[in-house]
Protein backbone atom coordinates (compact mmCIF):
# COMPACT_ATOMS: atom_id res chain seq x y z
CA UNK A 1 -51.63 -24.21 22.24
CA UNK A 2 -48.60 -22.66 23.91
CA UNK A 3 -46.50 -20.37 21.73
CA UNK A 4 -43.19 -18.57 22.06
CA UNK A 5 -40.45 -16.61 20.31
CA UNK A 6 -38.40 -13.56 21.14
CA UNK A 7 -39.43 -10.30 22.78
CA UNK A 8 -38.54 -6.62 22.93
CA UNK A 9 -40.95 -5.64 25.73
CA UNK A 10 -43.08 -7.65 28.17
CA UNK A 11 -46.32 -7.30 26.21
CA UNK A 12 -47.09 -10.80 24.89
CA UNK A 13 -50.73 -12.02 24.98
CA UNK A 14 -50.46 -15.74 24.32
CA UNK A 15 -48.99 -18.15 26.89
CA UNK A 16 -45.56 -19.49 26.02
CA UNK A 17 -41.82 -19.12 26.44
CA UNK A 18 -40.24 -16.01 24.94
CA UNK A 19 -36.46 -16.24 25.02
CA UNK A 20 -33.78 -13.86 23.74
CA UNK A 21 -30.21 -15.02 23.19
CA UNK A 22 -27.78 -12.11 23.55
CA UNK A 23 -24.01 -12.09 23.17
CA UNK A 24 -22.13 -11.17 26.29
CA UNK A 25 -20.67 -7.70 25.79
CA UNK A 26 -17.12 -7.82 24.55
CA UNK A 27 -14.80 -5.57 22.60
CA UNK A 28 -15.26 -5.85 18.84
CA UNK A 29 -12.32 -3.87 17.50
CA UNK A 30 -8.62 -4.55 17.26
CA UNK A 31 -5.42 -3.03 15.92
CA UNK A 32 -5.39 -3.17 12.13
CA UNK A 33 -2.59 -4.80 10.19
CA UNK A 34 -0.09 -2.66 8.33
CA UNK A 35 2.09 -3.36 5.31
CA UNK A 36 0.24 -1.92 2.30
CA UNK A 37 2.05 0.47 -0.05
CA UNK A 38 0.57 2.25 -3.07
CA UNK A 39 2.47 3.40 -6.14
CA UNK A 40 2.02 4.40 -9.76
CA UNK A 41 4.90 3.18 -11.88
CA UNK A 42 5.82 3.50 -15.52
CA UNK A 43 5.96 0.02 -17.00
CA UNK A 44 5.72 -1.51 -20.45
CA UNK A 45 3.40 -4.40 -19.57
CA UNK A 46 0.36 -5.08 -17.45
CA UNK A 47 -3.23 -4.15 -16.71
CA UNK A 48 -4.10 -0.59 -17.64
CA UNK A 49 -6.28 2.08 -16.03
CA UNK A 50 -7.00 0.24 -12.79
CA UNK A 51 -5.46 -0.49 -9.40
CA UNK A 52 -3.93 -3.96 -9.19
CA UNK A 53 -3.30 -5.53 -5.78
CA UNK A 54 -0.06 -7.53 -5.71
CA UNK A 55 1.02 -9.55 -2.69
CA UNK A 56 4.59 -10.60 -2.07
CA UNK A 57 3.61 -14.16 -2.98
CA UNK A 58 1.96 -13.00 -6.21
CA UNK A 59 5.09 -11.09 -7.11
CA UNK A 60 7.42 -14.01 -6.49
CA UNK A 61 5.28 -16.58 -8.32
CA UNK A 62 3.48 -14.62 -11.04
CA UNK A 63 5.59 -11.57 -11.88
CA UNK A 64 5.93 -12.62 -15.53
CA UNK A 65 2.17 -12.79 -15.96
CA UNK A 66 1.37 -9.65 -13.98
CA UNK A 67 4.30 -7.38 -14.86
CA UNK A 68 5.83 -8.97 -17.94
CA UNK A 69 9.17 -9.94 -16.42
CA UNK A 70 10.71 -12.67 -14.33
CA UNK A 71 11.12 -11.95 -10.62
CA UNK A 72 14.89 -11.39 -10.99
CA UNK A 73 14.62 -8.91 -13.87
CA UNK A 74 16.29 -5.53 -13.53
CA UNK A 75 12.98 -3.98 -14.57
CA UNK A 76 11.33 -5.22 -11.39
CA UNK A 77 13.91 -3.86 -8.98
CA UNK A 78 11.44 -1.24 -7.60
CA UNK A 79 9.06 -4.04 -6.61
CA UNK A 80 11.81 -6.11 -5.00
CA UNK A 81 12.88 -3.04 -3.02
CA UNK A 82 9.34 -2.37 -1.77
CA UNK A 83 8.68 -6.01 -0.94
CA UNK A 84 11.72 -6.14 1.33
CA UNK A 85 9.25 -4.95 3.97
CA UNK A 86 5.81 -4.37 2.43
CA UNK A 87 3.24 -7.15 2.43
CA UNK A 88 1.11 -5.82 -0.39
CA UNK A 89 1.35 -3.21 -3.14
CA UNK A 90 -1.55 -1.32 -4.68
CA UNK A 91 -0.06 -0.81 -8.13
CA UNK A 92 -1.17 1.43 -10.98
CA UNK A 93 0.54 1.27 -14.33
CA UNK A 94 1.10 4.60 -16.04
CA UNK A 95 2.24 5.37 -19.58
CA UNK A 96 -0.21 3.41 -21.73
CA UNK A 97 0.69 3.25 -25.42
CA UNK A 98 -0.01 0.95 -28.36
CA UNK A 99 -0.35 -2.82 -28.39
CA UNK A 100 2.02 -5.01 -30.38
CA UNK A 101 0.56 -6.98 -33.30
CA UNK A 102 1.40 -9.60 -35.90
CA UNK A 103 -0.35 -11.21 -38.85
CA UNK A 104 0.58 -14.77 -39.77
CA UNK A 105 -1.43 -15.84 -42.79
CA UNK A 106 -5.05 -15.67 -41.70
CA UNK A 107 -4.14 -15.41 -38.02
CA UNK A 108 -4.12 -12.04 -36.27
CA UNK A 109 -2.27 -11.78 -32.97
CA UNK A 110 -2.46 -8.79 -30.60
CA UNK A 111 -0.64 -8.38 -27.30
CA UNK A 112 -2.88 -8.40 -24.24
CA UNK A 113 -1.53 -5.05 -23.06
CA UNK A 114 0.09 -2.01 -24.61
CA UNK A 115 3.80 -1.28 -24.36
CA UNK A 116 7.02 -2.18 -26.11
CA UNK A 117 7.34 -5.32 -23.99
CA UNK A 118 4.84 -6.83 -26.41
CA UNK A 119 7.47 -6.60 -29.14
CA UNK A 120 9.36 -9.38 -27.33
CA UNK A 121 6.47 -11.78 -27.82
CA UNK A 122 6.94 -14.40 -30.53
CA UNK A 123 4.49 -16.84 -32.07
CA UNK A 124 5.64 -20.19 -33.43
CA UNK A 125 3.31 -22.46 -35.42
CA UNK A 126 4.39 -26.02 -36.20
CA UNK A 127 2.57 -28.98 -37.69
CA UNK A 128 1.62 -31.62 -35.16
CA UNK A 129 2.22 -35.36 -35.26
CA UNK A 130 -1.42 -35.50 -36.26
CA UNK A 131 -1.15 -33.90 -39.73
CA UNK A 132 -4.50 -32.19 -39.40
CA UNK A 133 -3.45 -30.26 -36.31
CA UNK A 134 -0.94 -27.57 -35.40
CA UNK A 135 0.87 -26.63 -32.23
CA UNK A 136 0.84 -22.89 -31.50
CA UNK A 137 3.52 -21.63 -29.12
CA UNK A 138 3.60 -18.22 -27.45
CA UNK A 139 7.05 -17.07 -26.33
CA UNK A 140 8.42 -14.02 -24.58
CA UNK A 141 12.16 -13.77 -25.01
CA UNK A 142 13.08 -17.48 -24.85
CA UNK A 143 10.41 -18.51 -22.37
CA UNK A 144 7.40 -20.54 -23.50
CA UNK A 145 4.29 -18.85 -22.16
CA UNK A 146 1.61 -20.98 -23.73
CA UNK A 147 1.30 -24.06 -25.93
CA UNK A 148 -1.95 -25.18 -27.54
CA UNK A 149 -2.95 -27.71 -30.22
CA UNK A 150 -5.70 -26.75 -32.67
CA UNK A 151 -7.15 -27.68 -36.06
CA UNK A 152 -8.14 -24.17 -37.10
CA UNK A 153 -7.76 -20.56 -36.06
CA UNK A 154 -11.32 -20.48 -34.76
CA UNK A 155 -10.37 -22.97 -32.05
CA UNK A 156 -7.84 -20.62 -30.47
CA UNK A 157 -8.69 -18.66 -27.35
CA UNK A 158 -6.68 -15.91 -25.74
CA UNK A 159 -3.96 -16.61 -23.20
CA UNK A 160 -2.38 -14.39 -20.56
CA UNK A 161 -0.27 -12.55 -23.13
CA UNK A 162 -2.03 -12.39 -26.51
CA UNK A 163 -5.43 -12.55 -28.16
CA UNK A 164 -6.07 -14.39 -31.42
CA UNK A 165 -8.54 -13.70 -34.21
CA UNK A 166 -9.14 -14.78 -37.79
CA UNK A 167 -10.55 -17.76 -39.64
CA UNK A 168 -9.24 -20.67 -41.62
CA UNK A 169 -6.13 -22.78 -41.47
CA UNK A 170 -2.75 -22.03 -39.94
CA UNK A 171 0.40 -20.98 -41.73
CA UNK A 172 3.54 -22.47 -40.24
CA UNK A 173 6.23 -20.15 -38.88
CA UNK A 174 9.48 -20.82 -37.07
CA UNK A 175 8.87 -17.66 -35.09
CA UNK A 176 7.15 -14.37 -35.84
CA UNK A 177 7.63 -11.46 -33.46
CA UNK A 178 4.88 -9.03 -32.63
CA UNK A 179 5.75 -5.42 -33.39
CA UNK A 180 4.42 -1.89 -33.04
CA UNK A 181 4.06 -1.93 -29.28
CA UNK A 182 4.83 1.48 -27.77
CA UNK A 183 4.91 3.11 -24.36
CA UNK A 184 2.76 6.14 -23.72
CA UNK A 185 3.88 9.54 -22.53
CA UNK A 186 3.70 10.05 -18.77
CA UNK A 187 2.21 13.36 -17.66
CA UNK A 188 0.59 14.93 -14.63
CA UNK A 189 -2.90 13.84 -15.67
CA UNK A 190 -1.82 10.19 -15.38
CA UNK A 191 -0.92 10.74 -11.73
CA UNK A 192 -4.16 12.64 -11.12
CA UNK A 193 -6.10 9.65 -12.42
CA UNK A 194 -4.07 7.33 -10.20
CA UNK A 195 -4.78 9.42 -7.11
CA UNK A 196 -8.50 9.54 -7.85
CA UNK A 197 -8.55 5.73 -8.04
CA UNK A 198 -6.29 5.03 -5.07
CA UNK A 199 -8.36 7.25 -2.76
CA UNK A 200 -10.98 4.53 -2.36
CA UNK A 201 -8.37 1.85 -1.51
CA UNK A 202 -7.00 0.95 1.91
CA UNK A 203 -3.26 1.50 2.21
CA UNK A 204 -0.68 2.86 4.63
CA UNK A 205 1.97 4.52 2.49
CA UNK A 206 1.92 6.24 -0.90
CA UNK A 207 5.03 6.92 -2.98
CA UNK A 208 5.99 9.01 -6.00
CA UNK A 209 9.33 8.12 -7.57
CA UNK A 210 9.77 11.14 -9.83
CA UNK A 211 11.46 14.51 -9.60
CA UNK A 212 8.81 16.74 -11.16
CA UNK A 213 8.00 19.47 -8.64
CA UNK A 214 4.46 19.98 -9.88
CA UNK A 215 3.67 16.29 -9.43
CA UNK A 216 5.24 16.31 -5.97
CA UNK A 217 2.95 19.20 -5.12
CA UNK A 218 -0.01 17.18 -6.37
CA UNK A 219 0.90 14.30 -4.05
CA UNK A 220 1.43 16.73 -1.18
CA UNK A 221 -2.01 18.30 -1.65
CA UNK A 222 -3.62 14.87 -1.94
CA UNK A 223 -1.96 13.71 1.28
CA UNK A 224 -2.95 16.81 3.23
CA UNK A 225 -6.55 16.59 2.03
CA UNK A 226 -6.89 12.94 3.01
CA UNK A 227 -5.23 13.41 6.40
CA UNK A 228 -6.75 16.74 7.43
CA UNK A 229 -10.10 16.86 5.62
CA UNK A 230 -11.08 13.21 5.19
CA UNK A 231 -9.46 11.78 8.33
CA UNK A 232 -7.61 9.11 6.33
CA UNK A 233 -4.16 8.95 7.89
CA UNK A 234 -1.79 7.96 5.11
CA UNK A 235 1.90 8.79 4.71
CA UNK A 236 3.53 9.81 1.43
CA UNK A 237 7.18 9.34 0.45
CA UNK A 238 8.77 11.77 -2.02
CA UNK A 239 12.30 12.45 -3.15
CA UNK A 240 13.97 15.73 -2.17
CA UNK A 241 10.85 17.51 -0.94
CA UNK A 242 11.70 18.75 2.53
CA UNK A 243 9.77 21.96 1.93
CA UNK A 244 6.51 20.10 2.67
CA UNK A 245 7.04 20.66 6.43
CA UNK A 246 4.23 18.21 7.18
CA UNK A 247 4.04 15.11 9.34
CA UNK A 248 2.44 13.10 6.54
CA UNK A 249 5.24 13.69 4.02
CA UNK A 250 8.64 11.95 4.10
CA UNK A 251 11.45 13.43 2.02
CA UNK A 252 14.19 10.98 0.99
CA UNK A 253 17.58 12.68 0.66
CA UNK A 254 20.15 10.30 -0.82
CA UNK A 255 18.68 9.00 -4.06
CA UNK A 256 15.38 9.02 -5.93
CA UNK A 257 15.28 5.23 -6.24
CA UNK A 258 15.22 4.82 -2.46
CA UNK A 259 11.55 5.83 -2.28
CA UNK A 260 10.59 2.22 -3.08
CA UNK A 261 12.51 0.75 -0.14
CA UNK A 262 11.52 3.57 2.21
CA UNK A 263 7.85 3.29 1.22
CA UNK A 264 7.86 -0.45 1.81
CA UNK A 265 9.73 -0.11 5.10
CA UNK A 266 7.35 2.56 6.41
CA UNK A 267 4.32 0.52 5.37
CA UNK A 268 5.71 -2.64 6.94
CA UNK A 269 6.78 -1.01 10.19
CA UNK A 270 4.50 -1.93 13.07
CA UNK A 271 3.26 0.82 15.36
CA UNK A 272 5.68 -0.29 18.08
CA UNK A 273 8.69 -0.24 15.74
CA UNK A 274 11.05 2.44 14.52
CA UNK A 275 13.14 2.53 11.34
CA UNK A 276 15.89 4.47 13.09
CA UNK A 277 19.21 2.70 12.47
CA UNK A 278 17.54 0.07 10.25
CA UNK A 279 19.99 -1.50 7.79
CA UNK A 280 19.33 -0.89 4.11
CA UNK A 281 19.18 -4.32 2.46
CA UNK A 282 18.18 -3.30 -1.04
CA UNK A 283 19.95 -3.44 -4.39
CA UNK A 284 20.59 0.20 -5.30
CA UNK A 285 24.00 1.79 -4.96
CA UNK A 286 24.06 5.38 -3.72
CA UNK A 287 26.10 7.84 -1.75
CA UNK A 288 25.64 7.58 2.01
CA UNK A 289 28.88 9.17 3.15
CA UNK A 290 28.05 12.48 4.78
CA UNK A 291 29.86 14.54 7.37
CA UNK A 292 28.36 14.89 10.85
CA UNK A 293 27.40 18.47 10.05
CA UNK A 294 25.60 17.34 6.90
CA UNK A 295 23.73 14.69 8.86
CA UNK A 296 22.74 17.21 11.54
CA UNK A 297 21.49 19.56 8.84
CA UNK A 298 19.47 16.74 7.27
CA UNK A 299 17.73 16.01 10.58
CA UNK A 300 17.08 19.67 11.30
CA UNK A 301 15.62 20.05 7.79
CA UNK A 302 13.31 17.06 8.15
CA UNK A 303 15.06 14.77 5.68
CA UNK A 304 14.98 10.97 5.73
CA UNK A 305 18.64 10.16 5.18
CA UNK A 306 20.80 7.06 5.03
CA UNK A 307 24.33 7.07 6.43
CA UNK A 308 27.33 4.78 6.10
CA UNK A 309 28.24 2.90 9.26
CA UNK A 310 31.41 0.80 8.83
CA UNK A 311 29.97 -2.21 6.99
CA UNK A 312 26.34 -1.19 6.53
CA UNK A 313 24.18 1.60 5.25
CA UNK A 314 21.53 2.55 7.80
CA UNK A 315 18.60 4.90 8.32
CA UNK A 316 19.83 7.82 10.39
CA UNK A 317 16.49 8.71 11.96
CA UNK A 318 12.87 7.77 11.29
CA UNK A 319 11.52 11.28 10.72
CA UNK A 320 9.19 13.21 8.44
CA UNK A 321 9.38 16.74 7.02
CA UNK A 322 7.60 18.50 9.90
CA UNK A 323 10.00 21.03 11.45
CA UNK A 324 7.89 24.09 12.32
CA UNK A 325 7.36 23.05 15.93
CA UNK A 326 4.96 24.92 18.21
CA UNK A 327 3.32 24.54 21.60
CA UNK A 328 0.41 22.72 19.93
CA UNK A 329 2.60 20.51 17.74
CA UNK A 330 6.01 19.85 19.20
CA UNK A 331 8.91 17.77 17.86
CA UNK A 332 7.05 14.54 18.70
CA UNK A 333 5.09 15.07 15.48
CA UNK A 334 8.30 14.75 13.44
CA UNK A 335 8.86 11.23 14.76
CA UNK A 336 7.41 8.66 12.35
CA UNK A 337 6.99 6.01 15.04
CA UNK A 338 4.81 8.37 17.08
CA UNK A 339 2.88 9.36 13.96
CA UNK A 340 2.24 5.67 13.26
CA UNK A 341 0.70 5.31 16.72
CA UNK A 342 -1.47 8.40 16.25
CA UNK A 343 -2.45 7.45 12.70
CA UNK A 344 -3.33 3.90 13.65
CA UNK A 345 -5.39 5.21 16.55
CA UNK A 346 -7.32 7.55 14.26
CA UNK A 347 -7.85 4.96 11.52
CA UNK A 348 -8.70 2.10 13.88
CA UNK A 349 -11.13 4.04 16.06
CA UNK A 350 -12.89 5.40 12.98
CA UNK A 351 -13.16 1.86 11.57
CA UNK A 352 -14.44 0.42 14.85
CA UNK A 353 -17.01 3.19 15.27
CA UNK A 354 -18.23 2.94 11.66
CA UNK A 355 -18.42 -0.87 11.67
CA UNK A 356 -19.99 -1.50 15.07
CA UNK A 357 -21.52 1.67 16.49
CA UNK A 358 -22.60 4.06 13.74
CA UNK A 359 -26.38 3.73 13.42
CA UNK A 360 -26.35 0.61 15.62
CA UNK A 361 -25.75 1.76 19.20
CA UNK A 362 -28.06 4.07 21.14
CA UNK A 363 -26.47 7.31 22.32
CA UNK A 364 -27.45 6.96 25.97
CA UNK A 365 -25.41 6.33 29.10
CA UNK A 366 -25.29 2.59 28.48
CA UNK A 367 -24.33 2.98 24.83
CA UNK A 368 -21.56 5.44 25.65
CA UNK A 369 -20.29 3.18 28.44
CA UNK A 370 -20.06 0.30 25.97
CA UNK A 371 -18.19 2.47 23.50
CA UNK A 372 -15.86 3.66 26.26
CA UNK A 373 -15.15 0.05 27.16
CA UNK A 374 -14.31 -0.51 23.49
CA UNK A 375 -11.81 2.34 23.58
CA UNK A 376 -10.29 1.12 26.83
CA UNK A 377 -9.81 -2.33 25.33
CA UNK A 378 -8.17 -0.83 22.23
CA UNK A 379 -5.70 1.30 24.16
CA UNK A 380 -4.92 -1.60 26.48
CA UNK A 381 -3.92 -3.50 23.34
CA UNK A 382 -1.62 -0.64 22.35
CA UNK A 383 -0.10 -0.61 25.81
CA UNK A 384 0.37 -4.39 25.78
CA UNK A 385 2.56 -4.13 22.68
CA UNK A 386 4.39 -1.11 24.17
CA UNK A 387 3.12 1.35 21.59
CA UNK A 388 1.81 3.63 24.37
CA UNK A 389 2.65 3.95 28.05
CA UNK A 390 0.99 4.91 31.35
CA UNK A 391 -2.55 4.46 30.04
CA UNK A 392 -5.51 4.05 32.39
CA UNK A 393 -9.26 4.06 31.92
CA UNK A 394 -9.42 7.48 33.59
CA UNK A 395 -7.60 8.94 30.56
CA UNK A 396 -10.83 8.63 28.55
CA UNK A 397 -13.83 10.91 29.04
CA UNK A 398 -16.94 10.39 26.92
CA UNK A 399 -20.13 12.41 26.85
CA UNK A 400 -23.13 13.26 24.72
CA UNK A 401 -22.75 16.20 22.36
CA UNK A 402 -25.14 19.08 21.69
CA UNK A 403 -27.03 17.03 19.10
CA UNK A 404 -28.82 13.75 19.77
CA UNK A 405 -26.41 11.62 17.78
CA UNK A 406 -23.16 13.32 18.76
CA UNK A 407 -20.62 11.55 20.94
CA UNK A 408 -17.66 13.52 22.29
CA UNK A 409 -14.51 11.73 23.43
CA UNK A 410 -11.57 13.36 25.18
CA UNK A 411 -8.54 11.20 25.80
CA UNK A 412 -4.88 11.41 26.62
CA UNK A 413 -2.28 8.94 25.37
CA UNK A 414 1.49 8.79 25.67
CA UNK A 415 3.08 7.17 22.60
CA UNK A 416 6.35 5.33 23.14
CA UNK A 417 9.38 6.01 20.94
CA UNK A 418 12.47 3.87 20.50
CA UNK A 419 15.78 4.79 22.12
CA UNK A 420 17.96 6.88 19.82
CA UNK A 421 20.31 8.81 22.12
CA UNK A 422 22.33 7.64 25.11
CA UNK A 423 23.56 10.18 27.67
CA UNK A 424 25.69 8.40 30.24
CA UNK A 425 27.59 9.95 33.09
CA UNK A 426 30.29 7.73 34.55
CA UNK A 427 32.05 8.66 37.80
CA UNK A 428 35.42 7.00 38.23
CA UNK A 429 37.03 6.61 41.62
């Protein structure tokens, strides 16, 4: 009887058809999406001790459930600022305190999360048309959060805002507020915990909205370690921290509250876009009227500054804090658009290699040629969107390293930056 199957070498004994189906070689990697910002924020409602991923759609539709306030609330202004440009926020709530509670007869009610926002929760219990049943309402401020009909306390289950416990029958109440909810004290250890959790997440930009110098230093060290030691190219936005002198740190000059908008804008900026001259469309009011000398000093000091331009407030220049230029690292490294190109290249190539080549592709001439083709395809994509210029396949050299599994790549790329100065000479006859 004839047999068949697949083969690795031509060593089959039995007659039959041995057929391998192989994908035609093609590039597997692509440019990753951007738009993810990470932040730890003091709040009085929400999930505690974990990173919560919030999309713009989640925020618009479910902010009351997730953050304890309606979308338009003043308390959620930082989120609205960030979501002007960010697509997603990795959020960590800091400042955990005590939960709010209430006892209504035999019924015990506890807020789902700690914080004084729980003190705004009210429980109303009213007899139902069916005399044996009661309607239990959960309110926050004047908004009905939940409404359930039950015969006894045992029938109640938790909702998105409170948990119930107890036994027996209900005691009617026109409205009983929970009380005792408190906000915890925010300290450096809270931010350390946040950073340890966020390290395993994928994000583009990290922000810290405070003014504590020790905490700023913590974020600076974290950023440098991830960028330089771990190869994870993130950017961090701080307020008034130009002393960092590092391409991964942005120092906002005008106002502390602007870190939310700047963080979202940097995260949302594509690698072929610059924030230079971008109009500020947020809600905060701040001083943006500086003299030309003050603006020059801000640029020379590596500060991300907004300026007033007739009817709008705009970003003066999309720069980071790096100012100690050298022959190895020139002023190009202070340009955030260029850094985005370099960072995306580093992150994307690492992802492509780890996903498709690490432990899967042989380190021989053919394997290295395939990987080189992958790199050529990637940089052609960058050139197609005008993120780099003058690229050719000859700009990449790949060879085997001193160890069997080592692959060494040398390449040259020319990132493109947006126009920001016009020098025009006009000869008049």
